[in-house]
Amino acid sequence: ATITSGGSTNYADSVKGRFTISRDN
């Protein structure tokens, strides 16, 4: 998974719906 500085996220198909990425600047 990735998360941009603007908060947009991207996930591998294998983890979609199960994993969540987040960032606390």
PDBML (XML) file of the C-alpha atoms, coordinates in Angstrom:
<?xml version="1.0" encoding="UTF-8" ?>
<PDBx:datablock datablockName="MODEL"
   xmlns:PDBx="http://pdbml.pdb.org/schema/pdbx-v50.xsd"
   xmlns:xsi="http://www.w3.org/2001/XMLSchema-instance"
   xsi:schemaLocation="http://pdbml.pdb.org/schema/pdbx-v50.xsd pdbx-v50.xsd">
   <PDBx:atom_siteCategory>
      <PDBx:atom_site id="1">
         <PDBx:B_iso_or_equiv>0.00</PDBx:B_iso_or_equiv>
         <PDBx:Cartn_x>0.000</PDBx:Cartn_x>
         <PDBx:Cartn_y>0.000</PDBx:Cartn_y>
         <PDBx:Cartn_z>0.000</PDBx:Cartn_z>
         <PDBx:auth_asym_id>A</PDBx:auth_asym_id>
         <PDBx:auth_atom_id>CA</PDBx:auth_atom_id>
         <PDBx:auth_comp_id>ALA</PDBx:auth_comp_id>
         <PDBx:auth_seq_id>1</PDBx:auth_seq_id>
         <PDBx:group_PDB>ATOM</PDBx:group_PDB>
         <PDBx:label_alt_id xsi:nil="true" />
         <PDBx:label_asym_id>A</PDBx:label_asym_id>
         <PDBx:label_atom_id>CA</PDBx:label_atom_id>
         <PDBx:label_comp_id>ALA</PDBx:label_comp_id>
         <PDBx:label_entity_id>1</PDBx:label_entity_id>
         <PDBx:label_seq_id>1</PDBx:label_seq_id>
         <PDBx:occupancy>1.00</PDBx:occupancy>
         <PDBx:pdbx_PDB_model_num>1</PDBx:pdbx_PDB_model_num>
         <PDBx:type_symbol>C</PDBx:type_symbol>
      </PDBx:atom_site>
      <PDBx:atom_site id="2">
         <PDBx:B_iso_or_equiv>0.00</PDBx:B_iso_or_equiv>
         <PDBx:Cartn_x>1.028</PDBx:Cartn_x>
         <PDBx:Cartn_y>3.597</PDBx:Cartn_y>
         <PDBx:Cartn_z>-0.558</PDBx:Cartn_z>
         <PDBx:auth_asym_id>A</PDBx:auth_asym_id>
         <PDBx:auth_atom_id>CA</PDBx:auth_atom_id>
         <PDBx:auth_comp_id>THR</PDBx:auth_comp_id>
         <PDBx:auth_seq_id>2</PDBx:auth_seq_id>
         <PDBx:group_PDB>ATOM</PDBx:group_PDB>
         <PDBx:label_alt_id xsi:nil="true" />
         <PDBx:label_asym_id>A</PDBx:label_asym_id>
         <PDBx:label_atom_id>CA</PDBx:label_atom_id>
         <PDBx:label_comp_id>THR</PDBx:label_comp_id>
         <PDBx:label_entity_id>1</PDBx:label_entity_id>
         <PDBx:label_seq_id>2</PDBx:label_seq_id>
         <PDBx:occupancy>1.00</PDBx:occupancy>
         <PDBx:pdbx_PDB_model_num>1</PDBx:pdbx_PDB_model_num>
         <PDBx:type_symbol>C</PDBx:type_symbol>
      </PDBx:atom_site>
      <PDBx:atom_site id="3">
         <PDBx:B_iso_or_equiv>0.00</PDBx:B_iso_or_equiv>
         <PDBx:Cartn_x>-0.198</PDBx:Cartn_x>
         <PDBx:Cartn_y>6.974</PDBx:Cartn_y>
         <PDBx:Cartn_z>0.623</PDBx:Cartn_z>
         <PDBx:auth_asym_id>A</PDBx:auth_asym_id>
         <PDBx:auth_atom_id>CA</PDBx:auth_atom_id>
         <PDBx:auth_comp_id>ILE</PDBx:auth_comp_id>
         <PDBx:auth_seq_id>3</PDBx:auth_seq_id>
         <PDBx:group_PDB>ATOM</PDBx:group_PDB>
         <PDBx:label_alt_id xsi:nil="true" />
         <PDBx:label_asym_id>A</PDBx:label_asym_id>
         <PDBx:label_atom_id>CA</PDBx:label_atom_id>
         <PDBx:label_comp_id>ILE</PDBx:label_comp_id>
         <PDBx:label_entity_id>1</PDBx:label_entity_id>
         <PDBx:label_seq_id>3</PDBx:label_seq_id>
         <PDBx:occupancy>1.00</PDBx:occupancy>
         <PDBx:pdbx_PDB_model_num>1</PDBx:pdbx_PDB_model_num>
         <PDBx:type_symbol>C</PDBx:type_symbol>
      </PDBx:atom_site>
      <PDBx:atom_site id="4">
         <PDBx:B_iso_or_equiv>0.00</PDBx:B_iso_or_equiv>
         <PDBx:Cartn_x>0.652</PDBx:Cartn_x>
         <PDBx:Cartn_y>10.343</PDBx:Cartn_y>
         <PDBx:Cartn_z>-0.889</PDBx:Cartn_z>
         <PDBx:auth_asym_id>A</PDBx:auth_asym_id>
         <PDBx:auth_atom_id>CA</PDBx:auth_atom_id>
         <PDBx:auth_comp_id>THR</PDBx:auth_comp_id>
         <PDBx:auth_seq_id>4</PDBx:auth_seq_id>
         <PDBx:group_PDB>ATOM</PDBx:group_PDB>
         <PDBx:label_alt_id xsi:nil="true" />
         <PDBx:label_asym_id>A</PDBx:label_asym_id>
         <PDBx:label_atom_id>CA</PDBx:label_atom_id>
         <PDBx:label_comp_id>THR</PDBx:label_comp_id>
         <PDBx:label_entity_id>1</PDBx:label_entity_id>
         <PDBx:label_seq_id>4</PDBx:label_seq_id>
         <PDBx:occupancy>1.00</PDBx:occupancy>
         <PDBx:pdbx_PDB_model_num>1</PDBx:pdbx_PDB_model_num>
         <PDBx:type_symbol>C</PDBx:type_symbol>
      </PDBx:atom_site>
      <PDBx:atom_site id="5">
         <PDBx:B_iso_or_equiv>0.00</PDBx:B_iso_or_equiv>
         <PDBx:Cartn_x>1.311</PDBx:Cartn_x>
         <PDBx:Cartn_y>13.603</PDBx:Cartn_y>
         <PDBx:Cartn_z>0.906</PDBx:Cartn_z>
         <PDBx:auth_asym_id>A</PDBx:auth_asym_id>
         <PDBx:auth_atom_id>CA</PDBx:auth_atom_id>
         <PDBx:auth_comp_id>SER</PDBx:auth_comp_id>
         <PDBx:auth_seq_id>5</PDBx:auth_seq_id>
         <PDBx:group_PDB>ATOM</PDBx:group_PDB>
         <PDBx:label_alt_id xsi:nil="true" />
         <PDBx:label_asym_id>A</PDBx:label_asym_id>
         <PDBx:label_atom_id>CA</PDBx:label_atom_id>
         <PDBx:label_comp_id>SER</PDBx:label_comp_id>
         <PDBx:label_entity_id>1</PDBx:label_entity_id>
         <PDBx:label_seq_id>5</PDBx:label_seq_id>
         <PDBx:occupancy>1.00</PDBx:occupancy>
         <PDBx:pdbx_PDB_model_num>1</PDBx:pdbx_PDB_model_num>
         <PDBx:type_symbol>C</PDBx:type_symbol>
      </PDBx:atom_site>
      <PDBx:atom_site id="6">
         <PDBx:B_iso_or_equiv>0.00</PDBx:B_iso_or_equiv>
         <PDBx:Cartn_x>-2.246</PDBx:Cartn_x>
         <PDBx:Cartn_y>14.564</PDBx:Cartn_y>
         <PDBx:Cartn_z>-0.047</PDBx:Cartn_z>
         <PDBx:auth_asym_id>A</PDBx:auth_asym_id>
         <PDBx:auth_atom_id>CA</PDBx:auth_atom_id>
         <PDBx:auth_comp_id>GLY</PDBx:auth_comp_id>
         <PDBx:auth_seq_id>6</PDBx:auth_seq_id>
         <PDBx:group_PDB>ATOM</PDBx:group_PDB>
         <PDBx:label_alt_id xsi:nil="true" />
         <PDBx:label_asym_id>A</PDBx:label_asym_id>
         <PDBx:label_atom_id>CA</PDBx:label_atom_id>
         <PDBx:label_comp_id>GLY</PDBx:label_comp_id>
         <PDBx:label_entity_id>1</PDBx:label_entity_id>
         <PDBx:label_seq_id>6</PDBx:label_seq_id>
         <PDBx:occupancy>1.00</PDBx:occupancy>
         <PDBx:pdbx_PDB_model_num>1</PDBx:pdbx_PDB_model_num>
         <PDBx:type_symbol>C</PDBx:type_symbol>
      </PDBx:atom_site>
      <PDBx:atom_site id="7">
         <PDBx:B_iso_or_equiv>0.00</PDBx:B_iso_or_equiv>
         <PDBx:Cartn_x>-3.706</PDBx:Cartn_x>
         <PDBx:Cartn_y>11.436</PDBx:Cartn_y>
         <PDBx:Cartn_z>1.483</PDBx:Cartn_z>
         <PDBx:auth_asym_id>A</PDBx:auth_asym_id>
         <PDBx:auth_atom_id>CA</PDBx:auth_atom_id>
         <PDBx:auth_comp_id>GLY</PDBx:auth_comp_id>
         <PDBx:auth_seq_id>7</PDBx:auth_seq_id>
         <PDBx:group_PDB>ATOM</PDBx:group_PDB>
         <PDBx:label_alt_id xsi:nil="true" />
         <PDBx:label_asym_id>A</PDBx:label_asym_id>
         <PDBx:label_atom_id>CA</PDBx:label_atom_id>
         <PDBx:label_comp_id>GLY</PDBx:label_comp_id>
         <PDBx:label_entity_id>1</PDBx:label_entity_id>
         <PDBx:label_seq_id>7</PDBx:label_seq_id>
         <PDBx:occupancy>1.00</PDBx:occupancy>
         <PDBx:pdbx_PDB_model_num>1</PDBx:pdbx_PDB_model_num>
         <PDBx:type_symbol>C</PDBx:type_symbol>
      </PDBx:atom_site>
      <PDBx:atom_site id="8">
         <PDBx:B_iso_or_equiv>0.00</PDBx:B_iso_or_equiv>
         <PDBx:Cartn_x>-4.465</PDBx:Cartn_x>
         <PDBx:Cartn_y>9.448</PDBx:Cartn_y>
         <PDBx:Cartn_z>-1.659</PDBx:Cartn_z>
         <PDBx:auth_asym_id>A</PDBx:auth_asym_id>
         <PDBx:auth_atom_id>CA</PDBx:auth_atom_id>
         <PDBx:auth_comp_id>SER</PDBx:auth_comp_id>
         <PDBx:auth_seq_id>8</PDBx:auth_seq_id>
         <PDBx:group_PDB>ATOM</PDBx:group_PDB>
         <PDBx:label_alt_id xsi:nil="true" />
         <PDBx:label_asym_id>A</PDBx:label_asym_id>
         <PDBx:label_atom_id>CA</PDBx:label_atom_id>
         <PDBx:label_comp_id>SER</PDBx:label_comp_id>
         <PDBx:label_entity_id>1</PDBx:label_entity_id>
         <PDBx:label_seq_id>8</PDBx:label_seq_id>
         <PDBx:occupancy>1.00</PDBx:occupancy>
         <PDBx:pdbx_PDB_model_num>1</PDBx:pdbx_PDB_model_num>
         <PDBx:type_symbol>C</PDBx:type_symbol>
      </PDBx:atom_site>
      <PDBx:atom_site id="9">
         <PDBx:B_iso_or_equiv>0.00</PDBx:B_iso_or_equiv>
         <PDBx:Cartn_x>-4.066</PDBx:Cartn_x>
         <PDBx:Cartn_y>5.717</PDBx:Cartn_y>
         <PDBx:Cartn_z>-1.135</PDBx:Cartn_z>
         <PDBx:auth_asym_id>A</PDBx:auth_asym_id>
         <PDBx:auth_atom_id>CA</PDBx:auth_atom_id>
         <PDBx:auth_comp_id>THR</PDBx:auth_comp_id>
         <PDBx:auth_seq_id>9</PDBx:auth_seq_id>
         <PDBx:group_PDB>ATOM</PDBx:group_PDB>
         <PDBx:label_alt_id xsi:nil="true" />
         <PDBx:label_asym_id>A</PDBx:label_asym_id>
         <PDBx:label_atom_id>CA</PDBx:label_atom_id>
         <PDBx:label_comp_id>THR</PDBx:label_comp_id>
         <PDBx:label_entity_id>1</PDBx:label_entity_id>
         <PDBx:label_seq_id>9</PDBx:label_seq_id>
         <PDBx:occupancy>1.00</PDBx:occupancy>
         <PDBx:pdbx_PDB_model_num>1</PDBx:pdbx_PDB_model_num>
         <PDBx:type_symbol>C</PDBx:type_symbol>
      </PDBx:atom_site>
      <PDBx:atom_site id="10">
         <PDBx:B_iso_or_equiv>0.00</PDBx:B_iso_or_equiv>
         <PDBx:Cartn_x>-3.319</PDBx:Cartn_x>
         <PDBx:Cartn_y>2.733</PDBx:Cartn_y>
         <PDBx:Cartn_z>-3.325</PDBx:Cartn_z>
         <PDBx:auth_asym_id>A</PDBx:auth_asym_id>
         <PDBx:auth_atom_id>CA</PDBx:auth_atom_id>
         <PDBx:auth_comp_id>ASN</PDBx:auth_comp_id>
         <PDBx:auth_seq_id>10</PDBx:auth_seq_id>
         <PDBx:group_PDB>ATOM</PDBx:group_PDB>
         <PDBx:label_alt_id xsi:nil="true" />
         <PDBx:label_asym_id>A</PDBx:label_asym_id>
         <PDBx:label_atom_id>CA</PDBx:label_atom_id>
         <PDBx:label_comp_id>ASN</PDBx:label_comp_id>
         <PDBx:label_entity_id>1</PDBx:label_entity_id>
         <PDBx:label_seq_id>10</PDBx:label_seq_id>
         <PDBx:occupancy>1.00</PDBx:occupancy>
         <PDBx:pdbx_PDB_model_num>1</PDBx:pdbx_PDB_model_num>
         <PDBx:type_symbol>C</PDBx:type_symbol>
      </PDBx:atom_site>
      <PDBx:atom_site id="11">
         <PDBx:B_iso_or_equiv>0.00</PDBx:B_iso_or_equiv>
         <PDBx:Cartn_x>-3.487</PDBx:Cartn_x>
         <PDBx:Cartn_y>-0.960</PDBx:Cartn_y>
         <PDBx:Cartn_z>-2.431</PDBx:Cartn_z>
         <PDBx:auth_asym_id>A</PDBx:auth_asym_id>
         <PDBx:auth_atom_id>CA</PDBx:auth_atom_id>
         <PDBx:auth_comp_id>TYR</PDBx:auth_comp_id>
         <PDBx:auth_seq_id>11</PDBx:auth_seq_id>
         <PDBx:group_PDB>ATOM</PDBx:group_PDB>
         <PDBx:label_alt_id xsi:nil="true" />
         <PDBx:label_asym_id>A</PDBx:label_asym_id>
         <PDBx:label_atom_id>CA</PDBx:label_atom_id>
         <PDBx:label_comp_id>TYR</PDBx:label_comp_id>
         <PDBx:label_entity_id>1</PDBx:label_entity_id>
         <PDBx:label_seq_id>11</PDBx:label_seq_id>
         <PDBx:occupancy>1.00</PDBx:occupancy>
         <PDBx:pdbx_PDB_model_num>1</PDBx:pdbx_PDB_model_num>
         <PDBx:type_symbol>C</PDBx:type_symbol>
      </PDBx:atom_site>
      <PDBx:atom_site id="12">
         <PDBx:B_iso_or_equiv>0.00</PDBx:B_iso_or_equiv>
         <PDBx:Cartn_x>-2.420</PDBx:Cartn_x>
         <PDBx:Cartn_y>-4.261</PDBx:Cartn_y>
         <PDBx:Cartn_z>-3.889</PDBx:Cartn_z>
         <PDBx:auth_asym_id>A</PDBx:auth_asym_id>
         <PDBx:auth_atom_id>CA</PDBx:auth_atom_id>
         <PDBx:auth_comp_id>ALA</PDBx:auth_comp_id>
         <PDBx:auth_seq_id>12</PDBx:auth_seq_id>
         <PDBx:group_PDB>ATOM</PDBx:group_PDB>
         <PDBx:label_alt_id xsi:nil="true" />
         <PDBx:label_asym_id>A</PDBx:label_asym_id>
         <PDBx:label_atom_id>CA</PDBx:label_atom_id>
         <PDBx:label_comp_id>ALA</PDBx:label_comp_id>
         <PDBx:label_entity_id>1</PDBx:label_entity_id>
         <PDBx:label_seq_id>12</PDBx:label_seq_id>
         <PDBx:occupancy>1.00</PDBx:occupancy>
         <PDBx:pdbx_PDB_model_num>1</PDBx:pdbx_PDB_model_num>
         <PDBx:type_symbol>C</PDBx:type_symbol>
      </PDBx:atom_site>
      <PDBx:atom_site id="13">
         <PDBx:B_iso_or_equiv>0.00</PDBx:B_iso_or_equiv>
         <PDBx:Cartn_x>-5.432</PDBx:Cartn_x>
         <PDBx:Cartn_y>-6.270</PDBx:Cartn_y>
         <PDBx:Cartn_z>-4.993</PDBx:Cartn_z>
         <PDBx:auth_asym_id>A</PDBx:auth_asym_id>
         <PDBx:auth_atom_id>CA</PDBx:auth_atom_id>
         <PDBx:auth_comp_id>ASP</PDBx:auth_comp_id>
         <PDBx:auth_seq_id>13</PDBx:auth_seq_id>
         <PDBx:group_PDB>ATOM</PDBx:group_PDB>
         <PDBx:label_alt_id xsi:nil="true" />
         <PDBx:label_asym_id>A</PDBx:label_asym_id>
         <PDBx:label_atom_id>CA</PDBx:label_atom_id>
         <PDBx:label_comp_id>ASP</PDBx:label_comp_id>
         <PDBx:label_entity_id>1</PDBx:label_entity_id>
         <PDBx:label_seq_id>13</PDBx:label_seq_id>
         <PDBx:occupancy>1.00</PDBx:occupancy>
         <PDBx:pdbx_PDB_model_num>1</PDBx:pdbx_PDB_model_num>
         <PDBx:type_symbol>C</PDBx:type_symbol>
      </PDBx:atom_site>
      <PDBx:atom_site id="14">
         <PDBx:B_iso_or_equiv>0.00</PDBx:B_iso_or_equiv>
         <PDBx:Cartn_x>-4.554</PDBx:Cartn_x>
         <PDBx:Cartn_y>-8.990</PDBx:Cartn_y>
         <PDBx:Cartn_z>-2.513</PDBx:Cartn_z>
         <PDBx:auth_asym_id>A</PDBx:auth_asym_id>
         <PDBx:auth_atom_id>CA</PDBx:auth_atom_id>
         <PDBx:auth_comp_id>SER</PDBx:auth_comp_id>
         <PDBx:auth_seq_id>14</PDBx:auth_seq_id>
         <PDBx:group_PDB>ATOM</PDBx:group_PDB>
         <PDBx:label_alt_id xsi:nil="true" />
         <PDBx:label_asym_id>A</PDBx:label_asym_id>
         <PDBx:label_atom_id>CA</PDBx:label_atom_id>
         <PDBx:label_comp_id>SER</PDBx:label_comp_id>
         <PDBx:label_entity_id>1</PDBx:label_entity_id>
         <PDBx:label_seq_id>14</PDBx:label_seq_id>
         <PDBx:occupancy>1.00</PDBx:occupancy>
         <PDBx:pdbx_PDB_model_num>1</PDBx:pdbx_PDB_model_num>
         <PDBx:type_symbol>C</PDBx:type_symbol>
      </PDBx:atom_site>
      <PDBx:atom_site id="15">
         <PDBx:B_iso_or_equiv>0.00</PDBx:B_iso_or_equiv>
         <PDBx:Cartn_x>-5.048</PDBx:Cartn_x>
         <PDBx:Cartn_y>-6.685</PDBx:Cartn_y>
         <PDBx:Cartn_z>0.485</PDBx:Cartn_z>
         <PDBx:auth_asym_id>A</PDBx:auth_asym_id>
         <PDBx:auth_atom_id>CA</PDBx:auth_atom_id>
         <PDBx:auth_comp_id>VAL</PDBx:auth_comp_id>
         <PDBx:auth_seq_id>15</PDBx:auth_seq_id>
         <PDBx:group_PDB>ATOM</PDBx:group_PDB>
         <PDBx:label_alt_id xsi:nil="true" />
         <PDBx:label_asym_id>A</PDBx:label_asym_id>
         <PDBx:label_atom_id>CA</PDBx:label_atom_id>
         <PDBx:label_comp_id>VAL</PDBx:label_comp_id>
         <PDBx:label_entity_id>1</PDBx:label_entity_id>
         <PDBx:label_seq_id>15</PDBx:label_seq_id>
         <PDBx:occupancy>1.00</PDBx:occupancy>
         <PDBx:pdbx_PDB_model_num>1</PDBx:pdbx_PDB_model_num>
         <PDBx:type_symbol>C</PDBx:type_symbol>
      </PDBx:atom_site>
      <PDBx:atom_site id="16">
         <PDBx:B_iso_or_equiv>0.00</PDBx:B_iso_or_equiv>
         <PDBx:Cartn_x>-7.877</PDBx:Cartn_x>
         <PDBx:Cartn_y>-4.403</PDBx:Cartn_y>
         <PDBx:Cartn_z>-0.665</PDBx:Cartn_z>
         <PDBx:auth_asym_id>A</PDBx:auth_asym_id>
         <PDBx:auth_atom_id>CA</PDBx:auth_atom_id>
         <PDBx:auth_comp_id>LYS</PDBx:auth_comp_id>
         <PDBx:auth_seq_id>16</PDBx:auth_seq_id>
         <PDBx:group_PDB>ATOM</PDBx:group_PDB>
         <PDBx:label_alt_id xsi:nil="true" />
         <PDBx:label_asym_id>A</PDBx:label_asym_id>
         <PDBx:label_atom_id>CA</PDBx:label_atom_id>
         <PDBx:label_comp_id>LYS</PDBx:label_comp_id>
         <PDBx:label_entity_id>1</PDBx:label_entity_id>
         <PDBx:label_seq_id>16</PDBx:label_seq_id>
         <PDBx:occupancy>1.00</PDBx:occupancy>
         <PDBx:pdbx_PDB_model_num>1</PDBx:pdbx_PDB_model_num>
         <PDBx:type_symbol>C</PDBx:type_symbol>
      </PDBx:atom_site>
      <PDBx:atom_site id="17">
         <PDBx:B_iso_or_equiv>0.00</PDBx:B_iso_or_equiv>
         <PDBx:Cartn_x>-10.678</PDBx:Cartn_x>
         <PDBx:Cartn_y>-4.283</PDBx:Cartn_y>
         <PDBx:Cartn_z>1.864</PDBx:Cartn_z>
         <PDBx:auth_asym_id>A</PDBx:auth_asym_id>
         <PDBx:auth_atom_id>CA</PDBx:auth_atom_id>
         <PDBx:auth_comp_id>GLY</PDBx:auth_comp_id>
         <PDBx:auth_seq_id>17</PDBx:auth_seq_id>
         <PDBx:group_PDB>ATOM</PDBx:group_PDB>
         <PDBx:label_alt_id xsi:nil="true" />
         <PDBx:label_asym_id>A</PDBx:label_asym_id>
         <PDBx:label_atom_id>CA</PDBx:label_atom_id>
         <PDBx:label_comp_id>GLY</PDBx:label_comp_id>
         <PDBx:label_entity_id>1</PDBx:label_entity_id>
         <PDBx:label_seq_id>17</PDBx:label_seq_id>
         <PDBx:occupancy>1.00</PDBx:occupancy>
         <PDBx:pdbx_PDB_model_num>1</PDBx:pdbx_PDB_model_num>
         <PDBx:type_symbol>C</PDBx:type_symbol>
      </PDBx:atom_site>
      <PDBx:atom_site id="18">
         <PDBx:B_iso_or_equiv>0.00</PDBx:B_iso_or_equiv>
         <PDBx:Cartn_x>-8.484</PDBx:Cartn_x>
         <PDBx:Cartn_y>-5.818</PDBx:Cartn_y>
         <PDBx:Cartn_z>4.589</PDBx:Cartn_z>
         <PDBx:auth_asym_id>A</PDBx:auth_asym_id>
         <PDBx:auth_atom_id>CA</PDBx:auth_atom_id>
         <PDBx:auth_comp_id>ARG</PDBx:auth_comp_id>
         <PDBx:auth_seq_id>18</PDBx:auth_seq_id>
         <PDBx:group_PDB>ATOM</PDBx:group_PDB>
         <PDBx:label_alt_id xsi:nil="true" />
         <PDBx:label_asym_id>A</PDBx:label_asym_id>
         <PDBx:label_atom_id>CA</PDBx:label_atom_id>
         <PDBx:label_comp_id>ARG</PDBx:label_comp_id>
         <PDBx:label_entity_id>1</PDBx:label_entity_id>
         <PDBx:label_seq_id>18</PDBx:label_seq_id>
         <PDBx:occupancy>1.00</PDBx:occupancy>
         <PDBx:pdbx_PDB_model_num>1</PDBx:pdbx_PDB_model_num>
         <PDBx:type_symbol>C</PDBx:type_symbol>
      </PDBx:atom_site>
      <PDBx:atom_site id="19">
         <PDBx:B_iso_or_equiv>0.00</PDBx:B_iso_or_equiv>
         <PDBx:Cartn_x>-5.559</PDBx:Cartn_x>
         <PDBx:Cartn_y>-3.407</PDBx:Cartn_y>
         <PDBx:Cartn_z>5.028</PDBx:Cartn_z>
         <PDBx:auth_asym_id>A</PDBx:auth_asym_id>
         <PDBx:auth_atom_id>CA</PDBx:auth_atom_id>
         <PDBx:auth_comp_id>PHE</PDBx:auth_comp_id>
         <PDBx:auth_seq_id>19</PDBx:auth_seq_id>
         <PDBx:group_PDB>ATOM</PDBx:group_PDB>
         <PDBx:label_alt_id xsi:nil="true" />
         <PDBx:label_asym_id>A</PDBx:label_asym_id>
         <PDBx:label_atom_id>CA</PDBx:label_atom_id>
         <PDBx:label_comp_id>PHE</PDBx:label_comp_id>
         <PDBx:label_entity_id>1</PDBx:label_entity_id>
         <PDBx:label_seq_id>19</PDBx:label_seq_id>
         <PDBx:occupancy>1.00</PDBx:occupancy>
         <PDBx:pdbx_PDB_model_num>1</PDBx:pdbx_PDB_model_num>
         <PDBx:type_symbol>C</PDBx:type_symbol>
      </PDBx:atom_site>
      <PDBx:atom_site id="20">
         <PDBx:B_iso_or_equiv>0.00</PDBx:B_iso_or_equiv>
         <PDBx:Cartn_x>-5.631</PDBx:Cartn_x>
         <PDBx:Cartn_y>0.343</PDBx:Cartn_y>
         <PDBx:Cartn_z>5.628</PDBx:Cartn_z>
         <PDBx:auth_asym_id>A</PDBx:auth_asym_id>
         <PDBx:auth_atom_id>CA</PDBx:auth_atom_id>
         <PDBx:auth_comp_id>THR</PDBx:auth_comp_id>
         <PDBx:auth_seq_id>20</PDBx:auth_seq_id>
         <PDBx:group_PDB>ATOM</PDBx:group_PDB>
         <PDBx:label_alt_id xsi:nil="true" />
         <PDBx:label_asym_id>A</PDBx:label_asym_id>
         <PDBx:label_atom_id>CA</PDBx:label_atom_id>
         <PDBx:label_comp_id>THR</PDBx:label_comp_id>
         <PDBx:label_entity_id>1</PDBx:label_entity_id>
         <PDBx:label_seq_id>20</PDBx:label_seq_id>
         <PDBx:occupancy>1.00</PDBx:occupancy>
         <PDBx:pdbx_PDB_model_num>1</PDBx:pdbx_PDB_model_num>
         <PDBx:type_symbol>C</PDBx:type_symbol>
      </PDBx:atom_site>
      <PDBx:atom_site id="21">
         <PDBx:B_iso_or_equiv>0.00</PDBx:B_iso_or_equiv>
         <PDBx:Cartn_x>-2.671</PDBx:Cartn_x>
         <PDBx:Cartn_y>2.689</PDBx:Cartn_y>
         <PDBx:Cartn_z>5.314</PDBx:Cartn_z>
         <PDBx:auth_asym_id>A</PDBx:auth_asym_id>
         <PDBx:auth_atom_id>CA</PDBx:auth_atom_id>
         <PDBx:auth_comp_id>ILE</PDBx:auth_comp_id>
         <PDBx:auth_seq_id>21</PDBx:auth_seq_id>
         <PDBx:group_PDB>ATOM</PDBx:group_PDB>
         <PDBx:label_alt_id xsi:nil="true" />
         <PDBx:label_asym_id>A</PDBx:label_asym_id>
         <PDBx:label_atom_id>CA</PDBx:label_atom_id>
         <PDBx:label_comp_id>ILE</PDBx:label_comp_id>
         <PDBx:label_entity_id>1</PDBx:label_entity_id>
         <PDBx:label_seq_id>21</PDBx:label_seq_id>
         <PDBx:occupancy>1.00</PDBx:occupancy>
         <PDBx:pdbx_PDB_model_num>1</PDBx:pdbx_PDB_model_num>
         <PDBx:type_symbol>C</PDBx:type_symbol>
      </PDBx:atom_site>
      <PDBx:atom_site id="22">
         <PDBx:B_iso_or_equiv>0.00</PDBx:B_iso_or_equiv>
         <PDBx:Cartn_x>-2.636</PDBx:Cartn_x>
         <PDBx:Cartn_y>6.039</PDBx:Cartn_y>
         <PDBx:Cartn_z>7.089</PDBx:Cartn_z>
         <PDBx:auth_asym_id>A</PDBx:auth_asym_id>
         <PDBx:auth_atom_id>CA</PDBx:auth_atom_id>
         <PDBx:auth_comp_id>SER</PDBx:auth_comp_id>
         <PDBx:auth_seq_id>22</PDBx:auth_seq_id>
         <PDBx:group_PDB>ATOM</PDBx:group_PDB>
         <PDBx:label_alt_id xsi:nil="true" />
         <PDBx:label_asym_id>A</PDBx:label_asym_id>
         <PDBx:label_atom_id>CA</PDBx:label_atom_id>
         <PDBx:label_comp_id>SER</PDBx:label_comp_id>
         <PDBx:label_entity_id>1</PDBx:label_entity_id>
         <PDBx:label_seq_id>22</PDBx:label_seq_id>
         <PDBx:occupancy>1.00</PDBx:occupancy>
         <PDBx:pdbx_PDB_model_num>1</PDBx:pdbx_PDB_model_num>
         <PDBx:type_symbol>C</PDBx:type_symbol>
      </PDBx:atom_site>
      <PDBx:atom_site id="23">
         <PDBx:B_iso_or_equiv>0.00</PDBx:B_iso_or_equiv>
         <PDBx:Cartn_x>-0.135</PDBx:Cartn_x>
         <PDBx:Cartn_y>8.743</PDBx:Cartn_y>
         <PDBx:Cartn_z>7.977</PDBx:Cartn_z>
         <PDBx:auth_asym_id>A</PDBx:auth_asym_id>
         <PDBx:auth_atom_id>CA</PDBx:auth_atom_id>
         <PDBx:auth_comp_id>ARG</PDBx:auth_comp_id>
         <PDBx:auth_seq_id>23</PDBx:auth_seq_id>
         <PDBx:group_PDB>ATOM</PDBx:group_PDB>
         <PDBx:label_alt_id xsi:nil="true" />
         <PDBx:label_asym_id>A</PDBx:label_asym_id>
         <PDBx:label_atom_id>CA</PDBx:label_atom_id>
         <PDBx:label_comp_id>ARG</PDBx:label_comp_id>
         <PDBx:label_entity_id>1</PDBx:label_entity_id>
         <PDBx:label_seq_id>23</PDBx:label_seq_id>
         <PDBx:occupancy>1.00</PDBx:occupancy>
         <PDBx:pdbx_PDB_model_num>1</PDBx:pdbx_PDB_model_num>
         <PDBx:type_symbol>C</PDBx:type_symbol>
      </PDBx:atom_site>
      <PDBx:atom_site id="24">
         <PDBx:B_iso_or_equiv>0.00</PDBx:B_iso_or_equiv>
         <PDBx:Cartn_x>0.152</PDBx:Cartn_x>
         <PDBx:Cartn_y>11.116</PDBx:Cartn_y>
         <PDBx:Cartn_z>10.909</PDBx:Cartn_z>
         <PDBx:auth_asym_id>A</PDBx:auth_asym_id>
         <PDBx:auth_atom_id>CA</PDBx:auth_atom_id>
         <PDBx:auth_comp_id>ASP</PDBx:auth_comp_id>
         <PDBx:auth_seq_id>24</PDBx:auth_seq_id>
         <PDBx:group_PDB>ATOM</PDBx:group_PDB>
         <PDBx:label_alt_id xsi:nil="true" />
         <PDBx:label_asym_id>A</PDBx:label_asym_id>
         <PDBx:label_atom_id>CA</PDBx:label_atom_id>
         <PDBx:label_comp_id>ASP</PDBx:label_comp_id>
         <PDBx:label_entity_id>1</PDBx:label_entity_id>
         <PDBx:label_seq_id>24</PDBx:label_seq_id>
         <PDBx:occupancy>1.00</PDBx:occupancy>
         <PDBx:pdbx_PDB_model_num>1</PDBx:pdbx_PDB_model_num>
         <PDBx:type_symbol>C</PDBx:type_symbol>
      </PDBx:atom_site>
      <PDBx:atom_site id="25">
         <PDBx:B_iso_or_equiv>0.00</PDBx:B_iso_or_equiv>
         <PDBx:Cartn_x>2.408</PDBx:Cartn_x>
         <PDBx:Cartn_y>13.952</PDBx:Cartn_y>
         <PDBx:Cartn_z>9.796</PDBx:Cartn_z>
         <PDBx:auth_asym_id>A</PDBx:auth_asym_id>
         <PDBx:auth_atom_id>CA</PDBx:auth_atom_id>
         <PDBx:auth_comp_id>ASN</PDBx:auth_comp_id>
         <PDBx:auth_seq_id>25</PDBx:auth_seq_id>
         <PDBx:group_PDB>ATOM</PDBx:group_PDB>
         <PDBx:label_alt_id xsi:nil="true" />
         <PDBx:label_asym_id>A</PDBx:label_asym_id>
         <PDBx:label_atom_id>CA</PDBx:label_atom_id>
         <PDBx:label_comp_id>ASN</PDBx:label_comp_id>
         <PDBx:label_entity_id>1</PDBx:label_entity_id>
         <PDBx:label_seq_id>25</PDBx:label_seq_id>
         <PDBx:occupancy>1.00</PDBx:occupancy>
         <PDBx:pdbx_PDB_model_num>1</PDBx:pdbx_PDB_model_num>
         <PDBx:type_symbol>C</PDBx:type_symbol>
      </PDBx:atom_site>
   </PDBx:atom_siteCategory>
</PDBx:datablock>
